[in-house]
PDB file of N, CA and C in Angstrom:
ATOM      1  N   MET A   1      11.301  -7.366  -8.413  1.00  0.00           N
ATOM      2  CA  MET A   1      10.693  -6.662  -7.728  1.00  0.00           C
ATOM      3  C   MET A   1      11.926  -5.359  -7.467  1.00  0.00           C
ATOM      4  N   SER A   2      11.517  -4.315  -7.692  1.00  0.00           N
ATOM      5  CA  SER A   2      12.535  -3.372  -7.487  1.00  0.00           C
ATOM      6  C   SER A   2      13.131  -3.001  -6.438  1.00  0.00           C
ATOM      7  N   THR A   3      14.315  -2.943  -6.020  1.00  0.00           N
ATOM      8  CA  THR A   3      15.451  -2.824  -5.385  1.00  0.00           C
ATOM      9  C   THR A   3      15.759  -1.551  -4.918  1.00  0.00           C
ATOM     10  N   SER A   4      15.243  -0.518  -5.916  1.00  0.00           N
ATOM     11  CA  SER A   4      15.757   1.029  -5.189  1.00  0.00           C
ATOM     12  C   SER A   4      16.251   1.488  -3.758  1.00  0.00           C
ATOM     13  N   LYS A   5      17.150   2.644  -4.420  1.00  0.00           N
ATOM     14  CA  LYS A   5      17.795   2.871  -2.956  1.00  0.00           C
ATOM     15  C   LYS A   5      17.649   4.075  -2.841  1.00  0.00           C
ATOM     16  N   ARG A   6      16.393   4.809  -3.724  1.00  0.00           N
ATOM     17  CA  ARG A   6      15.953   6.203  -3.342  1.00  0.00           C
ATOM     18  C   ARG A   6      15.362   6.308  -1.894  1.00  0.00           C
ATOM     19  N   ALA A   7      15.523   8.151  -1.497  1.00  0.00           N
ATOM     20  CA  ALA A   7      15.076   8.004  -0.422  1.00  0.00           C
ATOM     21  C   ALA A   7      13.842   8.413  -0.151  1.00  0.00           C
ATOM     22  N   ALA A   8      13.193   8.212   0.674  1.00  0.00           N
ATOM     23  CA  ALA A   8      11.585   8.136   1.070  1.00  0.00           C
ATOM     24  C   ALA A   8      11.346   9.629   0.479  1.00  0.00           C
ATOM     25  N   GLY A   9       9.987   9.531   0.202  1.00  0.00           N
ATOM     26  CA  GLY A   9       9.563  10.810  -0.255  1.00  0.00           C
ATOM     27  C   GLY A   9       9.831  10.946  -1.751  1.00  0.00           C
ATOM     28  N   THR A  10      10.734  10.535  -2.807  1.00  0.00           N
ATOM     29  CA  THR A  10      10.960  10.282  -3.845  1.00  0.00           C
ATOM     30  C   THR A  10      10.235   9.869  -4.690  1.00  0.00           C
ATOM     31  N   ILE A  11       9.892   9.958  -6.615  1.00  0.00           N
ATOM     32  CA  ILE A  11       8.935   9.697  -7.133  1.00  0.00           C
ATOM     33  C   ILE A  11       9.179   8.195  -7.376  1.00  0.00           C
ATOM     34  N   TYR A  12       8.060   7.544  -7.552  1.00  0.00           N
ATOM     35  CA  TYR A  12       8.343   5.840  -7.427  1.00  0.00           C
ATOM     36  C   TYR A  12       8.941   5.856  -9.443  1.00  0.00           C
ATOM     37  N   ASP A  13       8.877   5.076  -9.267  1.00  0.00           N
ATOM     38  CA  ASP A  13       9.390   4.735 -11.303  1.00  0.00           C
ATOM     39  C   ASP A  13       8.138   4.121 -11.524  1.00  0.00           C
ATOM     40  N   ALA A  14       7.832   3.647 -12.856  1.00  0.00           N
ATOM     41  CA  ALA A  14       6.764   2.388 -13.190  1.00  0.00           C
ATOM     42  C   ALA A  14       6.224   1.021 -12.197  1.00  0.00           C
ATOM     43  N   GLU A  15       7.647   0.564 -12.370  1.00  0.00           N
ATOM     44  CA  GLU A  15       7.269  -0.683 -11.756  1.00  0.00           C
ATOM     45  C   GLU A  15       7.314  -0.668 -10.709  1.00  0.00           C
ATOM     46  N   GLU A  16       7.465   0.418 -10.008  1.00  0.00           N
ATOM     47  CA  GLU A  16       7.481   0.710  -8.219  1.00  0.00           C
ATOM     48  C   GLU A  16       6.041   0.770  -8.318  1.00  0.00           C
ATOM     49  N   LEU A  17       5.252   2.088  -8.575  1.00  0.00           N
ATOM     50  CA  LEU A  17       3.773   2.400  -8.997  1.00  0.00           C
ATOM     51  C   LEU A  17       3.082   0.703  -9.010  1.00  0.00           C
ATOM     52  N   ALA A  18       3.659   0.017 -10.345  1.00  0.00           N
ATOM     53  CA  ALA A  18       2.760  -0.611 -10.134  1.00  0.00           C
ATOM     54  C   ALA A  18       2.380  -1.863  -9.713  1.00  0.00           C
ATOM     55  N   GLU A  19       3.269  -1.890  -8.293  1.00  0.00           N
ATOM     56  CA  GLU A  19       3.504  -2.994  -7.392  1.00  0.00           C
ATOM     57  C   GLU A  19       2.475  -2.478  -6.243  1.00  0.00           C
ATOM     58  N   ILE A  20       2.872  -1.243  -5.771  1.00  0.00           N
ATOM     59  CA  ILE A  20       2.034  -0.443  -4.855  1.00  0.00           C
ATOM     60  C   ILE A  20       0.802  -0.573  -5.784  1.00  0.00           C
ATOM     61  N   ARG A  21       0.321  -0.138  -6.679  1.00  0.00           N
ATOM     62  CA  ARG A  21      -1.449  -0.354  -6.998  1.00  0.00           C
ATOM     63  C   ARG A  21      -1.900  -1.608  -6.883  1.00  0.00           C
ATOM     64  N   THR A  22      -0.968  -2.612  -7.555  1.00  0.00           N
ATOM     65  CA  THR A  22      -1.225  -4.233  -7.310  1.00  0.00           C
ATOM     66  C   THR A  22      -1.418  -4.294  -5.568  1.00  0.00           C
ATOM     67  N   ALA A  23      -0.690  -4.191  -5.019  1.00  0.00           N
ATOM     68  CA  ALA A  23      -0.891  -4.220  -3.314  1.00  0.00           C
ATOM     69  C   ALA A  23      -2.187  -3.343  -2.859  1.00  0.00           C
ATOM     70  N   VAL A  24      -2.528  -2.251  -3.228  1.00  0.00           N
ATOM     71  CA  VAL A  24      -3.688  -1.464  -3.027  1.00  0.00           C
ATOM     72  C   VAL A  24      -4.925  -2.079  -3.283  1.00  0.00           C
ATOM     73  N   GLU A  25      -4.879  -2.017  -5.221  1.00  0.00           N
ATOM     74  CA  GLU A  25      -6.070  -2.744  -5.712  1.00  0.00           C
ATOM     75  C   GLU A  25      -6.471  -4.502  -4.409  1.00  0.00           C
ATOM     76  N   ALA A  26      -5.284  -5.151  -4.158  1.00  0.00           N
ATOM     77  CA  ALA A  26      -5.802  -6.544  -3.465  1.00  0.00           C
ATOM     78  C   ALA A  26      -6.541  -5.963  -2.188  1.00  0.00           C
ATOM     79  N   VAL A  27      -5.533  -5.073  -1.509  1.00  0.00           N
ATOM     80  CA  VAL A  27      -6.080  -4.935  -0.326  1.00  0.00           C
ATOM     81  C   VAL A  27      -7.466  -4.429   0.055  1.00  0.00           C
ATOM     82  N   CYS A  28      -8.309  -3.462  -1.373  1.00  0.00           N
ATOM     83  CA  CYS A  28      -9.360  -2.851  -1.128  1.00  0.00           C
ATOM     84  C   CYS A  28     -10.315  -3.915  -1.721  1.00  0.00           C
ATOM     85  N   THR A  29     -10.001  -5.031  -2.856  1.00  0.00           N
ATOM     86  CA  THR A  29     -10.979  -6.066  -3.303  1.00  0.00           C
ATOM     87  C   THR A  29     -11.166  -6.827  -2.387  1.00  0.00           C
ATOM     88  N   GLU A  30     -10.344  -7.096  -1.145  1.00  0.00           N
ATOM     89  CA  GLU A  30     -10.577  -8.066   0.265  1.00  0.00           C
ATOM     90  C   GLU A  30     -11.476  -7.748   0.989  1.00  0.00           C
ATOM     91  N   LEU A  31     -11.338  -6.308   1.256  1.00  0.00           N
ATOM     92  CA  LEU A  31     -11.928  -5.375   1.839  1.00  0.00           C
ATOM     93  C   LEU A  31     -13.576  -4.844   1.535  1.00  0.00           C
ATOM     94  N   GLY A  32     -13.937  -5.249   0.274  1.00  0.00           N
ATOM     95  CA  GLY A  32     -15.057  -4.189  -0.041  1.00  0.00           C
ATOM     96  C   GLY A  32     -14.825  -3.211  -0.399  1.00  0.00           C
ATOM     97  N   ILE A  33     -13.463  -1.956  -0.402  1.00  0.00           N
ATOM     98  CA  ILE A  33     -13.114  -0.993  -0.444  1.00  0.00           C
ATOM     99  C   ILE A  33     -13.419  -0.596  -1.751  1.00  0.00           C
ATOM    100  N   ASP A  34     -14.616   0.171  -2.411  1.00  0.00           N
ATOM    101  CA  ASP A  34     -15.508   0.395  -3.302  1.00  0.00           C
ATOM    102  C   ASP A  34     -14.116   1.770  -4.215  1.00  0.00           C
ATOM    103  N   LYS A  35     -13.694   1.819  -5.488  1.00  0.00           N
ATOM    104  CA  LYS A  35     -12.871   2.878  -5.930  1.00  0.00           C
ATOM    105  C   LYS A  35     -13.188   4.433  -5.812  1.00  0.00           C
ATOM    106  N   ALA A  36     -14.417   4.530  -5.746  1.00  0.00           N
ATOM    107  CA  ALA A  36     -15.682   5.797  -5.096  1.00  0.00           C
ATOM    108  C   ALA A  36     -15.070   5.893  -3.096  1.00  0.00           C
ATOM    109  N   ASP A  37     -14.541   4.940  -2.998  1.00  0.00           N
ATOM    110  CA  ASP A  37     -14.254   5.416  -1.185  1.00  0.00           C
ATOM    111  C   ASP A  37     -12.719   5.971  -1.514  1.00  0.00           C
ATOM    112  N   THR A  38     -12.852   7.111  -1.731  1.00  0.00           N
ATOM    113  CA  THR A  38     -10.991   7.853  -1.283  1.00  0.00           C
ATOM    114  C   THR A  38     -10.630   7.786  -0.277  1.00  0.00           C
ATOM    115  N   ALA A  39     -11.285   7.865   0.760  1.00  0.00           N
ATOM    116  CA  ALA A  39     -10.574   7.746   2.006  1.00  0.00           C
ATOM    117  C   ALA A  39     -10.742   6.531   2.610  1.00  0.00           C
ATOM    118  N   GLY A  40     -11.283   5.738   1.990  1.00  0.00           N
ATOM    119  CA  GLY A  40     -10.951   4.028   2.562  1.00  0.00           C
ATOM    120  C   GLY A  40      -9.205   3.592   1.749  1.00  0.00           C
ATOM    121  N   ARG A  41      -9.573   4.169   0.373  1.00  0.00           N
ATOM    122  CA  ARG A  41      -8.440   3.595  -0.626  1.00  0.00           C
ATOM    123  C   ARG A  41      -6.843   4.532   0.335  1.00  0.00           C
ATOM    124  N   GLU A  42      -7.145   5.471   0.524  1.00  0.00           N
ATOM    125  CA  GLU A  42      -5.935   6.575   0.540  1.00  0.00           C
ATOM    126  C   GLU A  42      -5.465   5.808   2.348  1.00  0.00           C
ATOM    127  N   ARG A  43      -6.269   5.220   3.285  1.00  0.00           N
ATOM    128  CA  ARG A  43      -5.558   4.696   4.535  1.00  0.00           C
ATOM    129  C   ARG A  43      -5.216   3.378   4.075  1.00  0.00           C
ATOM    130  N   VAL A  44      -5.438   2.236   3.137  1.00  0.00           N
ATOM    131  CA  VAL A  44      -4.557   1.116   2.726  1.00  0.00           C
ATOM    132  C   VAL A  44      -3.354   1.834   1.827  1.00  0.00           C
ATOM    133  N   ALA A  45      -3.662   2.776   0.942  1.00  0.00           N
ATOM    134  CA  ALA A  45      -2.211   3.101   0.849  1.00  0.00           C
ATOM    135  C   ALA A  45      -1.765   3.121   1.526  1.00  0.00           C
ATOM    136  N   SER A  46      -2.039   4.490   2.173  1.00  0.00           N
ATOM    137  CA  SER A  46      -0.564   4.778   3.688  1.00  0.00           C
ATOM    138  C   SER A  46       0.374   4.051   4.236  1.00  0.00           C
ATOM    139  N   GLY A  47      -0.577   2.858   4.433  1.00  0.00           N
ATOM    140  CA  GLY A  47      -0.052   1.489   5.016  1.00  0.00           C
ATOM    141  C   GLY A  47       0.977   1.004   4.116  1.00  0.00           C
ATOM    142  N   ILE A  48       0.603   0.887   3.047  1.00  0.00           N
ATOM    143  CA  ILE A  48       1.616   0.089   2.147  1.00  0.00           C
ATOM    144  C   ILE A  48       2.400   0.780   1.251  1.00  0.00           C
ATOM    145  N   MET A  49       2.341   2.199   1.375  1.00  0.00           N
ATOM    146  CA  MET A  49       3.762   3.639   1.262  1.00  0.00           C
ATOM    147  C   MET A  49       4.458   3.325   2.216  1.00  0.00           C
ATOM    148  N   ARG A  50       4.107   3.300   3.930  1.00  0.00           N
ATOM    149  CA  ARG A  50       4.899   2.888   4.810  1.00  0.00           C
ATOM    150  C   ARG A  50       5.475   2.016   4.779  1.00  0.00           C
ATOM    151  N   SER A  51       5.232   0.748   4.120  1.00  0.00           N
ATOM    152  CA  SER A  51       6.143  -0.883   4.062  1.00  0.00           C
ATOM    153  C   SER A  51       6.984  -0.484   3.084  1.00  0.00           C
ATOM    154  N   TRP A  52       6.525   0.063   2.196  1.00  0.00           N
ATOM    155  CA  TRP A  52       7.704   0.216   1.193  1.00  0.00           C
ATOM    156  C   TRP A  52       8.409   1.355   1.399  1.00  0.00           C
ATOM    157  N   ALA A  53       8.549   2.049   2.207  1.00  0.00           N
ATOM    158  CA  ALA A  53       9.706   3.200   2.527  1.00  0.00           C
ATOM    159  C   ALA A  53      10.450   2.464   3.513  1.00  0.00           C
ATOM    160  N   ALA A  54       9.878   1.843   4.025  1.00  0.00           N
ATOM    161  CA  ALA A  54      10.491   0.579   5.437  1.00  0.00           C
ATOM    162  C   ALA A  54      11.593  -0.321   4.369  1.00  0.00           C
ATOM    163  N   GLY A  55      11.399  -0.534   3.630  1.00  0.00           N
ATOM    164  CA  GLY A  55      12.610  -1.614   2.561  1.00  0.00           C
ATOM    165  C   GLY A  55      11.755  -3.028   2.623  1.00  0.00           C
ATOM    166  N   ARG A  56       9.901  -3.264   3.280  1.00  0.00           N
ATOM    167  CA  ARG A  56       9.408  -4.739   3.508  1.00  0.00           C
ATOM    168  C   ARG A  56       8.447  -4.371   2.347  1.00  0.00           C
ATOM    169  N   ARG A  57       8.685  -4.814   1.015  1.00  0.00           N
ATOM    170  CA  ARG A  57       8.689  -4.863  -0.556  1.00  0.00           C
ATOM    171  C   ARG A  57       7.704  -5.859  -1.142  1.00  0.00           C
ATOM    172  N   THR A  58       7.922  -6.804  -0.517  1.00  0.00           N
ATOM    173  CA  THR A  58       7.129  -7.809  -1.207  1.00  0.00           C
ATOM    174  C   THR A  58       5.783  -8.027  -1.375  1.00  0.00           C
ATOM    175  N   PRO A  59       4.873  -8.900  -2.231  1.00  0.00           N
ATOM    176  CA  PRO A  59       3.601  -8.614  -2.436  1.00  0.00           C
ATOM    177  C   PRO A  59       2.684  -8.645  -0.601  1.00  0.00           C
ATOM    178  N   LEU A  60       3.746 -10.000  -0.108  1.00  0.00           N
ATOM    179  CA  LEU A  60       2.837 -10.731   1.365  1.00  0.00           C
ATOM    180  C   LEU A  60       3.061  -9.078   2.521  1.00  0.00           C
ATOM    181  N   TRP A  61       4.197  -8.523   2.466  1.00  0.00           N
ATOM    182  CA  TRP A  61       4.408  -7.213   3.321  1.00  0.00           C
ATOM    183  C   TRP A  61       3.428  -6.386   2.874  1.00  0.00           C
ATOM    184  N   LEU A  62       3.577  -5.636   1.432  1.00  0.00           N
ATOM    185  CA  LEU A  62       2.511  -4.752   1.320  1.00  0.00           C
ATOM    186  C   LEU A  62       1.542  -4.941   1.886  1.00  0.00           C
ATOM    187  N   VAL A  63       0.459  -6.060   1.117  1.00  0.00           N
ATOM    188  CA  VAL A  63      -0.565  -6.424   1.593  1.00  0.00           C
ATOM    189  C   VAL A  63      -1.031  -6.386   3.212  1.00  0.00           C
ATOM    190  N   HIS A  64       0.049  -7.090   3.728  1.00  0.00           N
ATOM    191  CA  HIS A  64      -0.319  -7.304   5.367  1.00  0.00           C
ATOM    192  C   HIS A  64      -0.526  -5.574   5.668  1.00  0.00           C
ATOM    193  N   ALA A  65       0.533  -4.554   5.080  1.00  0.00           N
ATOM    194  CA  ALA A  65       0.566  -3.382   6.031  1.00  0.00           C
ATOM    195  C   ALA A  65      -0.440  -2.827   5.528  1.00  0.00           C
ATOM    196  N   GLY A  66      -1.505  -2.583   4.350  1.00  0.00           N
ATOM    197  CA  GLY A  66      -2.765  -2.576   3.905  1.00  0.00           C
ATOM    198  C   GLY A  66      -3.857  -2.951   5.049  1.00  0.00           C
ATOM    199  N   LEU A  67      -3.813  -3.972   4.667  1.00  0.00           N
ATOM    200  CA  LEU A  67      -4.805  -4.546   5.741  1.00  0.00           C
ATOM    201  C   LEU A  67      -4.689  -4.126   6.939  1.00  0.00           C
ATOM    202  N   ALA A  68      -3.626  -4.137   7.925  1.00  0.00           N
ATOM    203  CA  ALA A  68      -3.451  -3.514   9.170  1.00  0.00           C
ATOM    204  C   ALA A  68      -3.889  -2.135   9.505  1.00  0.00           C
ATOM    205  N   GLU A  69      -3.295  -1.793   8.217  1.00  0.00           N
ATOM    206  CA  GLU A  69      -4.135  -0.158   8.450  1.00  0.00           C
ATOM    207  C   GLU A  69      -5.254   0.294   8.336  1.00  0.00           C
ATOM    208  N   ALA A  70      -5.821  -0.801   7.518  1.00  0.00           N
ATOM    209  CA  ALA A  70      -7.444  -0.620   7.781  1.00  0.00           C
ATOM    210  C   ALA A  70      -8.281  -0.640   8.984  1.00  0.00           C
ATOM    211  N   ALA A  71      -7.507  -2.085   9.508  1.00  0.00           N
ATOM    212  CA  ALA A  71      -8.129  -2.543  10.411  1.00  0.00           C
ATOM    213  C   ALA A  71      -7.689  -1.496  12.329  1.00  0.00           C
ATOM    214  N   GLN A  72      -6.391  -0.726  11.560  1.00  0.00           N
ATOM    215  CA  GLN A  72      -6.106   0.593  12.644  1.00  0.00           C
ATOM    216  C   GLN A  72      -7.303   1.265  12.416  1.00  0.00           C
ATOM    217  N   ARG A  73      -6.867   2.081  11.119  1.00  0.00           N
ATOM    218  CA  ARG A  73      -8.565   2.784  11.184  1.00  0.00           C
ATOM    219  C   ARG A  73      -9.582   3.023  11.902  1.00  0.00           C
ATOM    220  N   GLN A  74      -9.935   1.373  11.320  1.00  0.00           N
ATOM    221  CA  GLN A  74     -11.429   1.212  11.703  1.00  0.00           C
ATOM    222  C   GLN A  74     -12.085   1.179  13.427  1.00  0.00           C
ATOM    223  N   ALA A  75     -10.533   0.509  14.088  1.00  0.00           N
ATOM    224  CA  ALA A  75     -10.649   0.058  15.232  1.00  0.00           C
ATOM    225  C   ALA A  75     -10.598   1.778  16.429  1.00  0.00           C
ATOM    226  N   GLY A  76     -10.055   2.560  15.620  1.00  0.00           N
ATOM    227  CA  GLY A  76      -8.967   4.084  15.882  1.00  0.00           C
ATOM    228  C   GLY A  76     -10.536   5.142  15.856  1.00  0.00           C
TER     229      GLY A  76
END
């Protein structure tokens, strides 16, 4: 797990992007969000990216953040 101390909004390195992408794919698969559903995938990624920026970077935290964001957007 990367421990980069870069500020939020900076470019992610390859390892960080791979971890984020893995979480996005896991959440989208769980929720049945198709690769063509860019809006749905962006919602999931948004939650995951906020979790990452806040320092909650374990796979469980990332997946939880993606699921929570998708649920929040569906409810609202």
